[in-house]
Amino acid sequence: MLWKEAIFPTGIEKRGGTNEVALIDTKYPTPWNQIEAAMAYTKGHPLMLIIEKGLKSEGLLEKGNDWYVLWANPDISVLTTLELMASFPVGRKRLKTTINARMLLPKKPAYLILQI
């Protein structure tokens, strides 16, 4: 579960560059979320992220990766939502596929390839 760690009321991202963007009430999660998710992913653990609505989405927190992302308000009731409950069958299917794929991997670390 990822909740905000820092809020920037105003600021500039990529200052002075061609892609400069004004930040207004931008919420960021802790960098540890990126580190923990990366560690779990490299170990082959399935990921399901519950992210506070409105957080800046970047890196491993973006949708479109290899795991389920649920954007929600920071409230305990998110744990009983239909959307979250419906994600579990999808997660089980992905886990089974991952386990089956890992069984086919070579056992020598020298033959393993990091996919980025």
PDB file of N, CA and C in Angstrom:
ATOM      1  N   MET A   1       0.846  -1.161   0.000  1.00  0.00           N
ATOM      2  CA  MET A   1       0.000   0.000   0.000  1.00  0.00           C
ATOM      3  C   MET A   1       0.896   1.231   0.000  1.00  0.00           C
ATOM      4  N   LEU A   2       0.600   2.137  -0.879  1.00  0.00           N
ATOM      5  CA  LEU A   2       1.427   3.321  -1.037  1.00  0.00           C
ATOM      6  C   LEU A   2       0.607   4.571  -0.754  1.00  0.00           C
ATOM      7  N   TRP A   3       1.017   5.300   0.254  1.00  0.00           N
ATOM      8  CA  TRP A   3       0.374   6.562   0.595  1.00  0.00           C
ATOM      9  C   TRP A   3       1.407   7.670   0.455  1.00  0.00           C
ATOM     10  N   LYS A   4       0.936   8.893   0.434  1.00  0.00           N
ATOM     11  CA  LYS A   4       1.846  10.025   0.207  1.00  0.00           C
ATOM     12  C   LYS A   4       2.835  10.189   1.352  1.00  0.00           C
ATOM     13  N   GLU A   5       4.037  10.579   0.980  1.00  0.00           N
ATOM     14  CA  GLU A   5       5.059  10.916   1.958  1.00  0.00           C
ATOM     15  C   GLU A   5       5.340  12.411   1.918  1.00  0.00           C
ATOM     16  N   ALA A   6       5.278  12.996   0.726  1.00  0.00           N
ATOM     17  CA  ALA A   6       5.604  14.415   0.578  1.00  0.00           C
ATOM     18  C   ALA A   6       4.603  15.075  -0.360  1.00  0.00           C
ATOM     19  N   ILE A   7       4.270  16.321  -0.045  1.00  0.00           N
ATOM     20  CA  ILE A   7       3.391  17.123  -0.899  1.00  0.00           C
ATOM     21  C   ILE A   7       4.143  18.396  -1.265  1.00  0.00           C
ATOM     22  N   PHE A   8       4.155  18.696  -2.548  1.00  0.00           N
ATOM     23  CA  PHE A   8       4.764  19.926  -3.022  1.00  0.00           C
ATOM     24  C   PHE A   8       3.654  20.859  -3.489  1.00  0.00           C
ATOM     25  N   PRO A   9       3.365  21.926  -2.705  1.00  0.00           N
ATOM     26  CA  PRO A   9       2.293  22.838  -3.106  1.00  0.00           C
ATOM     27  C   PRO A   9       2.564  23.491  -4.465  1.00  0.00           C
ATOM     28  N   THR A  10       3.819  23.890  -4.697  1.00  0.00           N
ATOM     29  CA  THR A  10       4.205  24.434  -5.999  1.00  0.00           C
ATOM     30  C   THR A  10       5.651  24.061  -6.274  1.00  0.00           C
ATOM     31  N   GLY A  11       5.969  23.961  -7.527  1.00  0.00           N
ATOM     32  CA  GLY A  11       7.341  23.652  -7.904  1.00  0.00           C
ATOM     33  C   GLY A  11       7.453  23.479  -9.401  1.00  0.00           C
ATOM     34  N   ILE A  12       8.646  23.130  -9.832  1.00  0.00           N
ATOM     35  CA  ILE A  12       8.903  22.920 -11.255  1.00  0.00           C
ATOM     36  C   ILE A  12       9.673  21.618 -11.400  1.00  0.00           C
ATOM     37  N   GLU A  13       9.219  20.796 -12.318  1.00  0.00           N
ATOM     38  CA  GLU A  13       9.901  19.546 -12.625  1.00  0.00           C
ATOM     39  C   GLU A  13      10.632  19.710 -13.950  1.00  0.00           C
ATOM     40  N   LYS A  14      11.826  19.168 -14.032  1.00  0.00           N
ATOM     41  CA  LYS A  14      12.660  19.280 -15.229  1.00  0.00           C
ATOM     42  C   LYS A  14      12.921  20.744 -15.566  1.00  0.00           C
ATOM     43  N   ARG A  15      13.237  21.508 -14.530  1.00  0.00           N
ATOM     44  CA  ARG A  15      13.418  22.960 -14.638  1.00  0.00           C
ATOM     45  C   ARG A  15      14.465  23.319 -15.680  1.00  0.00           C
ATOM     46  N   GLY A  16      14.101  24.260 -16.539  1.00  0.00           N
ATOM     47  CA  GLY A  16      15.016  24.770 -17.549  1.00  0.00           C
ATOM     48  C   GLY A  16      15.124  23.913 -18.790  1.00  0.00           C
ATOM     49  N   GLY A  17      14.518  22.750 -18.782  1.00  0.00           N
ATOM     50  CA  GLY A  17      14.583  21.854 -19.936  1.00  0.00           C
ATOM     51  C   GLY A  17      13.416  22.077 -20.882  1.00  0.00           C
ATOM     52  N   THR A  18      13.424  21.358 -21.970  1.00  0.00           N
ATOM     53  CA  THR A  18      12.342  21.497 -22.952  1.00  0.00           C
ATOM     54  C   THR A  18      11.041  20.856 -22.462  1.00  0.00           C
ATOM     55  N   ASN A  19      11.137  19.984 -21.474  1.00  0.00           N
ATOM     56  CA  ASN A  19       9.949  19.306 -20.930  1.00  0.00           C
ATOM     57  C   ASN A  19       9.570  19.837 -19.556  1.00  0.00           C
ATOM     58  N   GLU A  20       9.878  21.099 -19.274  1.00  0.00           N
ATOM     59  CA  GLU A  20       9.582  21.685 -17.967  1.00  0.00           C
ATOM     60  C   GLU A  20       8.089  21.619 -17.676  1.00  0.00           C
ATOM     61  N   VAL A  21       7.765  21.239 -16.436  1.00  0.00           N
ATOM     62  CA  VAL A  21       6.369  21.084 -16.028  1.00  0.00           C
ATOM     63  C   VAL A  21       6.173  21.770 -14.683  1.00  0.00           C
ATOM     64  N   ALA A  22       5.098  22.560 -14.569  1.00  0.00           N
ATOM     65  CA  ALA A  22       4.753  23.185 -13.286  1.00  0.00           C
ATOM     66  C   ALA A  22       4.069  22.147 -12.401  1.00  0.00           C
ATOM     67  N   LEU A  23       4.488  22.091 -11.137  1.00  0.00           N
ATOM     68  CA  LEU A  23       3.881  21.178 -10.167  1.00  0.00           C
ATOM     69  C   LEU A  23       2.965  21.974  -9.249  1.00  0.00           C
ATOM     70  N   ILE A  24       1.744  21.512  -9.111  1.00  0.00           N
ATOM     71  CA  ILE A  24       0.782  22.164  -8.219  1.00  0.00           C
ATOM     72  C   ILE A  24       0.151  21.078  -7.366  1.00  0.00           C
ATOM     73  N   ASP A  25       0.323  21.194  -6.047  1.00  0.00           N
ATOM     74  CA  ASP A  25      -0.209  20.200  -5.104  1.00  0.00           C
ATOM     75  C   ASP A  25       0.123  18.769  -5.536  1.00  0.00           C
ATOM     76  N   THR A  26       1.374  18.532  -5.833  1.00  0.00           N
ATOM     77  CA  THR A  26       1.834  17.226  -6.291  1.00  0.00           C
ATOM     78  C   THR A  26       2.228  16.368  -5.086  1.00  0.00           C
ATOM     79  N   LYS A  27       1.704  15.139  -5.055  1.00  0.00           N
ATOM     80  CA  LYS A  27       1.970  14.208  -3.953  1.00  0.00           C
ATOM     81  C   LYS A  27       2.898  13.104  -4.443  1.00  0.00           C
ATOM     82  N   TYR A  28       3.944  12.834  -3.655  1.00  0.00           N
ATOM     83  CA  TYR A  28       4.917  11.795  -3.988  1.00  0.00           C
ATOM     84  C   TYR A  28       4.925  10.711  -2.924  1.00  0.00           C
ATOM     85  N   PRO A  29       5.081   9.450  -3.347  1.00  0.00           N
ATOM     86  CA  PRO A  29       5.274   8.372  -2.372  1.00  0.00           C
ATOM     87  C   PRO A  29       6.735   8.331  -1.942  1.00  0.00           C
ATOM     88  N   THR A  30       7.046   7.550  -0.951  1.00  0.00           N
ATOM     89  CA  THR A  30       8.423   7.370  -0.526  1.00  0.00           C
ATOM     90  C   THR A  30       9.203   6.595  -1.587  1.00  0.00           C
ATOM     91  N   PRO A  31      10.469   6.916  -1.788  1.00  0.00           N
ATOM     92  CA  PRO A  31      11.284   6.154  -2.747  1.00  0.00           C
ATOM     93  C   PRO A  31      11.408   4.675  -2.371  1.00  0.00           C
ATOM     94  N   TRP A  32      11.183   4.353  -1.108  1.00  0.00           N
ATOM     95  CA  TRP A  32      11.275   2.957  -0.681  1.00  0.00           C
ATOM     96  C   TRP A  32      10.244   2.090  -1.383  1.00  0.00           C
ATOM     97  N   ASN A  33       9.127   2.669  -1.798  1.00  0.00           N
ATOM     98  CA  ASN A  33       8.139   1.885  -2.536  1.00  0.00           C
ATOM     99  C   ASN A  33       8.733   1.341  -3.829  1.00  0.00           C
ATOM    100  N   GLN A  34       9.518   2.159  -4.508  1.00  0.00           N
ATOM    101  CA  GLN A  34      10.170   1.721  -5.747  1.00  0.00           C
ATOM    102  C   GLN A  34      11.166   0.599  -5.445  1.00  0.00           C
ATOM    103  N   ILE A  35      11.945   0.782  -4.386  1.00  0.00           N
ATOM    104  CA  ILE A  35      12.981  -0.188  -4.035  1.00  0.00           C
ATOM    105  C   ILE A  35      12.353  -1.524  -3.643  1.00  0.00           C
ATOM    106  N   GLU A  36      11.345  -1.484  -2.785  1.00  0.00           N
ATOM    107  CA  GLU A  36      10.707  -2.717  -2.325  1.00  0.00           C
ATOM    108  C   GLU A  36      10.017  -3.452  -3.470  1.00  0.00           C
ATOM    109  N   ALA A  37       9.338  -2.713  -4.331  1.00  0.00           N
ATOM    110  CA  ALA A  37       8.673  -3.343  -5.477  1.00  0.00           C
ATOM    111  C   ALA A  37       9.694  -3.969  -6.416  1.00  0.00           C
ATOM    112  N   ALA A  38      10.800  -3.280  -6.658  1.00  0.00           N
ATOM    113  CA  ALA A  38      11.851  -3.814  -7.540  1.00  0.00           C
ATOM    114  C   ALA A  38      12.460  -5.083  -6.951  1.00  0.00           C
ATOM    115  N   MET A  39      12.688  -5.085  -5.648  1.00  0.00           N
ATOM    116  CA  MET A  39      13.265  -6.273  -5.002  1.00  0.00           C
ATOM    117  C   MET A  39      12.312  -7.467  -5.121  1.00  0.00           C
ATOM    118  N   ALA A  40      11.040  -7.235  -4.863  1.00  0.00           N
ATOM    119  CA  ALA A  40      10.059  -8.319  -4.952  1.00  0.00           C
ATOM    120  C   ALA A  40       9.940  -8.826  -6.387  1.00  0.00           C
ATOM    121  N   TYR A  41       9.929  -7.909  -7.339  1.00  0.00           N
ATOM    122  CA  TYR A  41       9.782  -8.292  -8.744  1.00  0.00           C
ATOM    123  C   TYR A  41      10.973  -9.115  -9.221  1.00  0.00           C
ATOM    124  N   THR A  42      12.184  -8.717  -8.847  1.00  0.00           N
ATOM    125  CA  THR A  42      13.368  -9.463  -9.280  1.00  0.00           C
ATOM    126  C   THR A  42      13.427 -10.854  -8.652  1.00  0.00           C
ATOM    127  N   LYS A  43      12.773 -11.022  -7.505  1.00  0.00           N
ATOM    128  CA  LYS A  43      12.703 -12.340  -6.870  1.00  0.00           C
ATOM    129  C   LYS A  43      11.577 -13.196  -7.453  1.00  0.00           C
ATOM    130  N   GLY A  44      10.775 -12.588  -8.359  1.00  0.00           N
ATOM    131  CA  GLY A  44       9.679 -13.325  -8.972  1.00  0.00           C
ATOM    132  C   GLY A  44       8.416 -13.351  -8.158  1.00  0.00           C
ATOM    133  N   HIS A  45       8.326 -12.517  -7.128  1.00  0.00           N
ATOM    134  CA  HIS A  45       7.111 -12.462  -6.318  1.00  0.00           C
ATOM    135  C   HIS A  45       6.034 -11.680  -7.064  1.00  0.00           C
ATOM    136  N   PRO A  46       4.792 -12.112  -6.975  1.00  0.00           N
ATOM    137  CA  PRO A  46       3.717 -11.347  -7.620  1.00  0.00           C
ATOM    138  C   PRO A  46       3.499 -10.034  -6.879  1.00  0.00           C
ATOM    139  N   LEU A  47       3.164  -9.003  -7.622  1.00  0.00           N
ATOM    140  CA  LEU A  47       2.931  -7.691  -7.018  1.00  0.00           C
ATOM    141  C   LEU A  47       1.500  -7.248  -7.240  1.00  0.00           C
ATOM    142  N   MET A  48       0.944  -6.624  -6.231  1.00  0.00           N
ATOM    143  CA  MET A  48      -0.327  -5.944  -6.347  1.00  0.00           C
ATOM    144  C   MET A  48      -0.167  -4.655  -5.549  1.00  0.00           C
ATOM    145  N   LEU A  49      -0.263  -3.536  -6.227  1.00  0.00           N
ATOM    146  CA  LEU A  49      -0.050  -2.251  -5.576  1.00  0.00           C
ATOM    147  C   LEU A  49      -1.374  -1.552  -5.337  1.00  0.00           C
ATOM    148  N   ILE A  50      -1.580  -1.072  -4.129  1.00  0.00           N
ATOM    149  CA  ILE A  50      -2.721  -0.225  -3.799  1.00  0.00           C
ATOM    150  C   ILE A  50      -2.130   1.150  -3.547  1.00  0.00           C
ATOM    151  N   ILE A  51      -2.432   2.089  -4.438  1.00  0.00           N
ATOM    152  CA  ILE A  51      -1.791   3.396  -4.439  1.00  0.00           C
ATOM    153  C   ILE A  51      -2.827   4.483  -4.183  1.00  0.00           C
ATOM    154  N   GLU A  52      -2.460   5.423  -3.340  1.00  0.00           N
ATOM    155  CA  GLU A  52      -3.351   6.550  -3.041  1.00  0.00           C
ATOM    156  C   GLU A  52      -3.647   7.339  -4.307  1.00  0.00           C
ATOM    157  N   LYS A  53      -4.923   7.591  -4.546  1.00  0.00           N
ATOM    158  CA  LYS A  53      -5.313   8.412  -5.698  1.00  0.00           C
ATOM    159  C   LYS A  53      -4.623   9.771  -5.605  1.00  0.00           C
ATOM    160  N   GLY A  54      -4.098  10.222  -6.733  1.00  0.00           N
ATOM    161  CA  GLY A  54      -3.480  11.537  -6.779  1.00  0.00           C
ATOM    162  C   GLY A  54      -1.968  11.521  -6.622  1.00  0.00           C
ATOM    163  N   LEU A  55      -1.377  10.368  -6.266  1.00  0.00           N
ATOM    164  CA  LEU A  55       0.076  10.302  -6.171  1.00  0.00           C
ATOM    165  C   LEU A  55       0.684  10.394  -7.564  1.00  0.00           C
ATOM    166  N   LYS A  56       1.859  10.969  -7.649  1.00  0.00           N
ATOM    167  CA  LYS A  56       2.567  11.038  -8.915  1.00  0.00           C
ATOM    168  C   LYS A  56       2.927   9.621  -9.331  1.00  0.00           C
ATOM    169  N   SER A  57       2.501   9.251 -10.508  1.00  0.00           N
ATOM    170  CA  SER A  57       2.714   7.901 -11.017  1.00  0.00           C
ATOM    171  C   SER A  57       3.950   7.889 -11.899  1.00  0.00           C
ATOM    172  N   GLU A  58       4.973   7.175 -11.438  1.00  0.00           N
ATOM    173  CA  GLU A  58       6.181   7.053 -12.241  1.00  0.00           C
ATOM    174  C   GLU A  58       6.912   5.782 -11.855  1.00  0.00           C
ATOM    175  N   GLY A  59       7.759   5.320 -12.743  1.00  0.00           N
ATOM    176  CA  GLY A  59       8.549   4.126 -12.467  1.00  0.00           C
ATOM    177  C   GLY A  59       7.696   2.890 -12.297  1.00  0.00           C
ATOM    178  N   LEU A  60       7.959   2.148 -11.252  1.00  0.00           N
ATOM    179  CA  LEU A  60       7.256   0.896 -11.005  1.00  0.00           C
ATOM    180  C   LEU A  60       5.805   1.102 -10.587  1.00  0.00           C
ATOM    181  N   LEU A  61       5.433   2.333 -10.284  1.00  0.00           N
ATOM    182  CA  LEU A  61       4.069   2.598  -9.829  1.00  0.00           C
ATOM    183  C   LEU A  61       3.105   2.874 -10.980  1.00  0.00           C
ATOM    184  N   GLU A  62       3.608   2.906 -12.189  1.00  0.00           N
ATOM    185  CA  GLU A  62       2.758   3.194 -13.335  1.00  0.00           C
ATOM    186  C   GLU A  62       1.941   1.967 -13.725  1.00  0.00           C
ATOM    187  N   LYS A  63       0.759   2.217 -14.279  1.00  0.00           N
ATOM    188  CA  LYS A  63      -0.023   1.122 -14.834  1.00  0.00           C
ATOM    189  C   LYS A  63       0.650   0.667 -16.120  1.00  0.00           C
ATOM    190  N   GLY A  64       0.333  -0.539 -16.541  1.00  0.00           N
ATOM    191  CA  GLY A  64       0.883  -1.051 -17.779  1.00  0.00           C
ATOM    192  C   GLY A  64       2.104  -1.919 -17.572  1.00  0.00           C
ATOM    193  N   ASN A  65       2.479  -2.137 -16.327  1.00  0.00           N
ATOM    194  CA  ASN A  65       3.584  -3.042 -16.041  1.00  0.00           C
ATOM    195  C   ASN A  65       3.038  -4.448 -15.858  1.00  0.00           C
ATOM    196  N   ASP A  66       3.820  -5.288 -15.253  1.00  0.00           N
ATOM    197  CA  ASP A  66       3.511  -6.710 -15.136  1.00  0.00           C
ATOM    198  C   ASP A  66       2.722  -7.047 -13.874  1.00  0.00           C
ATOM    199  N   TRP A  67       2.068  -6.079 -13.250  1.00  0.00           N
ATOM    200  CA  TRP A  67       1.370  -6.331 -11.996  1.00  0.00           C
ATOM    201  C   TRP A  67       0.122  -5.469 -11.918  1.00  0.00           C
ATOM    202  N   TYR A  68      -0.705  -5.789 -10.941  1.00  0.00           N
ATOM    203  CA  TYR A  68      -1.982  -5.103 -10.770  1.00  0.00           C
ATOM    204  C   TYR A  68      -1.798  -3.839  -9.935  1.00  0.00           C
ATOM    205  N   VAL A  69      -2.388  -2.745 -10.398  1.00  0.00           N
ATOM    206  CA  VAL A  69      -2.342  -1.469  -9.677  1.00  0.00           C
ATOM    207  C   VAL A  69      -3.774  -1.017  -9.416  1.00  0.00           C
ATOM    208  N   LEU A  70      -4.096  -0.780  -8.159  1.00  0.00           N
ATOM    209  CA  LEU A  70      -5.403  -0.255  -7.771  1.00  0.00           C
ATOM    210  C   LEU A  70      -5.197   1.128  -7.180  1.00  0.00           C
ATOM    211  N   TRP A  71      -5.798   2.123  -7.791  1.00  0.00           N
ATOM    212  CA  TRP A  71      -5.743   3.493  -7.263  1.00  0.00           C
ATOM    213  C   TRP A  71      -6.954   3.674  -6.357  1.00  0.00           C
ATOM    214  N   ALA A  72      -6.723   4.114  -5.121  1.00  0.00           N
ATOM    215  CA  ALA A  72      -7.808   4.198  -4.145  1.00  0.00           C
ATOM    216  C   ALA A  72      -7.562   5.339  -3.168  1.00  0.00           C
ATOM    217  N   ASN A  73      -8.615   5.742  -2.482  1.00  0.00           N
ATOM    218  CA  ASN A  73      -8.482   6.716  -1.405  1.00  0.00           C
ATOM    219  C   ASN A  73      -7.888   6.016  -0.188  1.00  0.00           C
ATOM    220  N   PRO A  74      -7.084   6.732   0.601  1.00  0.00           N
ATOM    221  CA  PRO A  74      -6.443   6.107   1.764  1.00  0.00           C
ATOM    222  C   PRO A  74      -7.447   5.842   2.883  1.00  0.00           C
ATOM    223  N   ASP A  75      -8.147   4.732   2.754  1.00  0.00           N
ATOM    224  CA  ASP A  75      -9.194   4.392   3.704  1.00  0.00           C
ATOM    225  C   ASP A  75      -9.241   2.872   3.833  1.00  0.00           C
ATOM    226  N   ILE A  76      -9.495   2.382   5.003  1.00  0.00           N
ATOM    227  CA  ILE A  76      -9.526   0.944   5.256  1.00  0.00           C
ATOM    228  C   ILE A  76     -10.589   0.238   4.405  1.00  0.00           C
ATOM    229  N   SER A  77     -11.626   0.961   3.991  1.00  0.00           N
ATOM    230  CA  SER A  77     -12.702   0.346   3.212  1.00  0.00           C
ATOM    231  C   SER A  77     -12.232  -0.142   1.843  1.00  0.00           C
ATOM    232  N   VAL A  78     -11.068   0.325   1.380  1.00  0.00           N
ATOM    233  CA  VAL A  78     -10.551  -0.132   0.086  1.00  0.00           C
ATOM    234  C   VAL A  78     -10.313  -1.638   0.099  1.00  0.00           C
ATOM    235  N   LEU A  79     -10.065  -2.207   1.272  1.00  0.00           N
ATOM    236  CA  LEU A  79      -9.784  -3.637   1.376  1.00  0.00           C
ATOM    237  C   LEU A  79     -11.012  -4.505   1.148  1.00  0.00           C
ATOM    238  N   THR A  80     -12.183  -3.904   1.107  1.00  0.00           N
ATOM    239  CA  THR A  80     -13.409  -4.668   0.886  1.00  0.00           C
ATOM    240  C   THR A  80     -14.097  -4.302  -0.421  1.00  0.00           C
ATOM    241  N   THR A  81     -13.418  -3.557  -1.296  1.00  0.00           N
ATOM    242  CA  THR A  81     -14.048  -3.141  -2.551  1.00  0.00           C
ATOM    243  C   THR A  81     -14.124  -4.305  -3.533  1.00  0.00           C
ATOM    244  N   LEU A  82     -15.124  -4.232  -4.395  1.00  0.00           N
ATOM    245  CA  LEU A  82     -15.308  -5.255  -5.410  1.00  0.00           C
ATOM    246  C   LEU A  82     -14.119  -5.283  -6.365  1.00  0.00           C
ATOM    247  N   GLU A  83     -13.580  -4.115  -6.693  1.00  0.00           N
ATOM    248  CA  GLU A  83     -12.437  -4.059  -7.603  1.00  0.00           C
ATOM    249  C   GLU A  83     -11.231  -4.824  -7.036  1.00  0.00           C
ATOM    250  N   LEU A  84     -10.966  -4.654  -5.755  1.00  0.00           N
ATOM    251  CA  LEU A  84      -9.842  -5.356  -5.141  1.00  0.00           C
ATOM    252  C   LEU A  84     -10.113  -6.857  -5.096  1.00  0.00           C
ATOM    253  N   MET A  85     -11.310  -7.247  -4.693  1.00  0.00           N
ATOM    254  CA  MET A  85     -11.647  -8.670  -4.614  1.00  0.00           C
ATOM    255  C   MET A  85     -11.576  -9.326  -6.000  1.00  0.00           C
ATOM    256  N   ALA A  86     -11.989  -8.599  -7.040  1.00  0.00           N
ATOM    257  CA  ALA A  86     -11.975  -9.145  -8.400  1.00  0.00           C
ATOM    258  C   ALA A  86     -10.554  -9.321  -8.926  1.00  0.00           C
ATOM    259  N   SER A  87      -9.587  -8.614  -8.345  1.00  0.00           N
ATOM    260  CA  SER A  87      -8.210  -8.711  -8.834  1.00  0.00           C
ATOM    261  C   SER A  87      -7.530 -10.004  -8.398  1.00  0.00           C
ATOM    262  N   PHE A  88      -8.021 -10.666  -7.374  1.00  0.00           N
ATOM    263  CA  PHE A  88      -7.351 -11.865  -6.881  1.00  0.00           C
ATOM    264  C   PHE A  88      -7.313 -13.021  -7.879  1.00  0.00           C
ATOM    265  N   PRO A  89      -8.407 -13.325  -8.610  1.00  0.00           N
ATOM    266  CA  PRO A  89      -8.291 -14.390  -9.620  1.00  0.00           C
ATOM    267  C   PRO A  89      -7.249 -14.059 -10.684  1.00  0.00           C
ATOM    268  N   VAL A  90      -7.160 -12.817 -11.093  1.00  0.00           N
ATOM    269  CA  VAL A  90      -6.160 -12.394 -12.077  1.00  0.00           C
ATOM    270  C   VAL A  90      -4.769 -12.614 -11.505  1.00  0.00           C
ATOM    271  N   GLY A  91      -4.578 -12.247 -10.245  1.00  0.00           N
ATOM    272  CA  GLY A  91      -3.294 -12.427  -9.584  1.00  0.00           C
ATOM    273  C   GLY A  91      -2.897 -13.889  -9.481  1.00  0.00           C
ATOM    274  N   ARG A  92      -3.860 -14.749  -9.158  1.00  0.00           N
ATOM    275  CA  ARG A  92      -3.563 -16.179  -9.068  1.00  0.00           C
ATOM    276  C   ARG A  92      -3.126 -16.730 -10.424  1.00  0.00           C
ATOM    277  N   LYS A  93      -3.790 -16.274 -11.483  1.00  0.00           N
ATOM    278  CA  LYS A  93      -3.431 -16.736 -12.832  1.00  0.00           C
ATOM    279  C   LYS A  93      -2.015 -16.281 -13.185  1.00  0.00           C
ATOM    280  N   ARG A  94      -1.690 -15.019 -12.884  1.00  0.00           N
ATOM    281  CA  ARG A  94      -0.346 -14.515 -13.167  1.00  0.00           C
ATOM    282  C   ARG A  94       0.700 -15.266 -12.347  1.00  0.00           C
ATOM    283  N   LEU A  95       0.390 -15.550 -11.081  1.00  0.00           N
ATOM    284  CA  LEU A  95       1.326 -16.274 -10.223  1.00  0.00           C
ATOM    285  C   LEU A  95       1.598 -17.664 -10.784  1.00  0.00           C
ATOM    286  N   LYS A  96       0.546 -18.359 -11.203  1.00  0.00           N
ATOM    287  CA  LYS A  96       0.718 -19.697 -11.763  1.00  0.00           C
ATOM    288  C   LYS A  96       1.564 -19.639 -13.034  1.00  0.00           C
ATOM    289  N   THR A  97       1.314 -18.654 -13.889  1.00  0.00           N
ATOM    290  CA  THR A  97       2.103 -18.489 -15.110  1.00  0.00           C
ATOM    291  C   THR A  97       3.560 -18.211 -14.772  1.00  0.00           C
ATOM    292  N   THR A  98       3.802 -17.370 -13.778  1.00  0.00           N
ATOM    293  CA  THR A  98       5.167 -17.034 -13.363  1.00  0.00           C
ATOM    294  C   THR A  98       5.884 -18.266 -12.824  1.00  0.00           C
ATOM    295  N   ILE A  99       5.210 -19.028 -11.990  1.00  0.00           N
ATOM    296  CA  ILE A  99       5.818 -20.238 -11.420  1.00  0.00           C
ATOM    297  C   ILE A  99       6.152 -21.221 -12.533  1.00  0.00           C
ATOM    298  N   ASN A 100       5.232 -21.424 -13.463  1.00  0.00           N
ATOM    299  CA  ASN A 100       5.484 -22.350 -14.571  1.00  0.00           C
ATOM    300  C   ASN A 100       6.659 -21.877 -15.415  1.00  0.00           C
ATOM    301  N   ALA A 101       6.747 -20.594 -15.683  1.00  0.00           N
ATOM    302  CA  ALA A 101       7.847 -20.042 -16.479  1.00  0.00           C
ATOM    303  C   ALA A 101       9.174 -20.193 -15.739  1.00  0.00           C
ATOM    304  N   ARG A 102       9.173 -19.967 -14.440  1.00  0.00           N
ATOM    305  CA  ARG A 102      10.418 -20.071 -13.658  1.00  0.00           C
ATOM    306  C   ARG A 102      10.928 -21.504 -13.620  1.00  0.00           C
ATOM    307  N   MET A 103      10.046 -22.473 -13.687  1.00  0.00           N
ATOM    308  CA  MET A 103      10.477 -23.861 -13.676  1.00  0.00           C
ATOM    309  C   MET A 103      11.270 -24.200 -14.931  1.00  0.00           C
ATOM    310  N   LEU A 104      11.074 -23.433 -16.013  1.00  0.00           N
ATOM    311  CA  LEU A 104      11.769 -23.679 -17.268  1.00  0.00           C
ATOM    312  C   LEU A 104      13.094 -22.939 -17.367  1.00  0.00           C
ATOM    313  N   LEU A 105      13.373 -22.039 -16.410  1.00  0.00           N
ATOM    314  CA  LEU A 105      14.612 -21.268 -16.453  1.00  0.00           C
ATOM    315  C   LEU A 105      15.817 -22.157 -16.160  1.00  0.00           C
ATOM    316  N   PRO A 106      16.957 -21.838 -16.786  1.00  0.00           N
ATOM    317  CA  PRO A 106      18.174 -22.583 -16.448  1.00  0.00           C
ATOM    318  C   PRO A 106      18.557 -22.333 -14.997  1.00  0.00           C
ATOM    319  N   LYS A 107      19.189 -23.312 -14.375  1.00  0.00           N
ATOM    320  CA  LYS A 107      19.515 -23.210 -12.955  1.00  0.00           C
ATOM    321  C   LYS A 107      20.818 -22.479 -12.687  1.00  0.00           C
ATOM    322  N   LYS A 108      21.683 -22.342 -13.687  1.00  0.00           N
ATOM    323  CA  LYS A 108      22.951 -21.663 -13.491  1.00  0.00           C
ATOM    324  C   LYS A 108      22.751 -20.153 -13.636  1.00  0.00           C
ATOM    325  N   PRO A 109      23.153 -19.355 -12.630  1.00  0.00           N
ATOM    326  CA  PRO A 109      22.954 -17.904 -12.689  1.00  0.00           C
ATOM    327  C   PRO A 109      23.586 -17.249 -13.912  1.00  0.00           C
ATOM    328  N   ALA A 110      24.645 -17.822 -14.446  1.00  0.00           N
ATOM    329  CA  ALA A 110      25.311 -17.227 -15.598  1.00  0.00           C
ATOM    330  C   ALA A 110      24.407 -17.201 -16.820  1.00  0.00           C
ATOM    331  N   TYR A 111      23.389 -18.067 -16.853  1.00  0.00           N
ATOM    332  CA  TYR A 111      22.503 -18.137 -18.000  1.00  0.00           C
ATOM    333  C   TYR A 111      21.250 -17.278 -17.848  1.00  0.00           C
ATOM    334  N   LEU A 112      21.070 -16.695 -16.687  1.00  0.00           N
ATOM    335  CA  LEU A 112      19.882 -15.885 -16.447  1.00  0.00           C
ATOM    336  C   LEU A 112      20.021 -14.529 -17.108  1.00  0.00           C
ATOM    337  N   ILE A 113      18.945 -14.032 -17.670  1.00  0.00           N
ATOM    338  CA  ILE A 113      18.949 -12.734 -18.346  1.00  0.00           C
ATOM    339  C   ILE A 113      17.993 -11.823 -17.618  1.00  0.00           C
ATOM    340  N   LEU A 114      18.441 -10.619 -17.310  1.00  0.00           N
ATOM    341  CA  LEU A 114      17.591  -9.622 -16.682  1.00  0.00           C
ATOM    342  C   LEU A 114      16.815  -8.907 -17.768  1.00  0.00           C
ATOM    343  N   GLN A 115      15.503  -8.972 -17.711  1.00  0.00           N
ATOM    344  CA  GLN A 115      14.667  -8.297 -18.694  1.00  0.00           C
ATOM    345  C   GLN A 115      14.225  -6.968 -18.143  1.00  0.00           C
ATOM    346  N   ILE A 116      14.515  -5.917 -18.877  1.00  0.00           N
ATOM    347  CA  ILE A 116      14.135  -4.564 -18.436  1.00  0.00           C
ATOM    348  C   ILE A 116      13.160  -3.986 -19.421  1.00  0.00           C
TER     349      ILE A 116
END
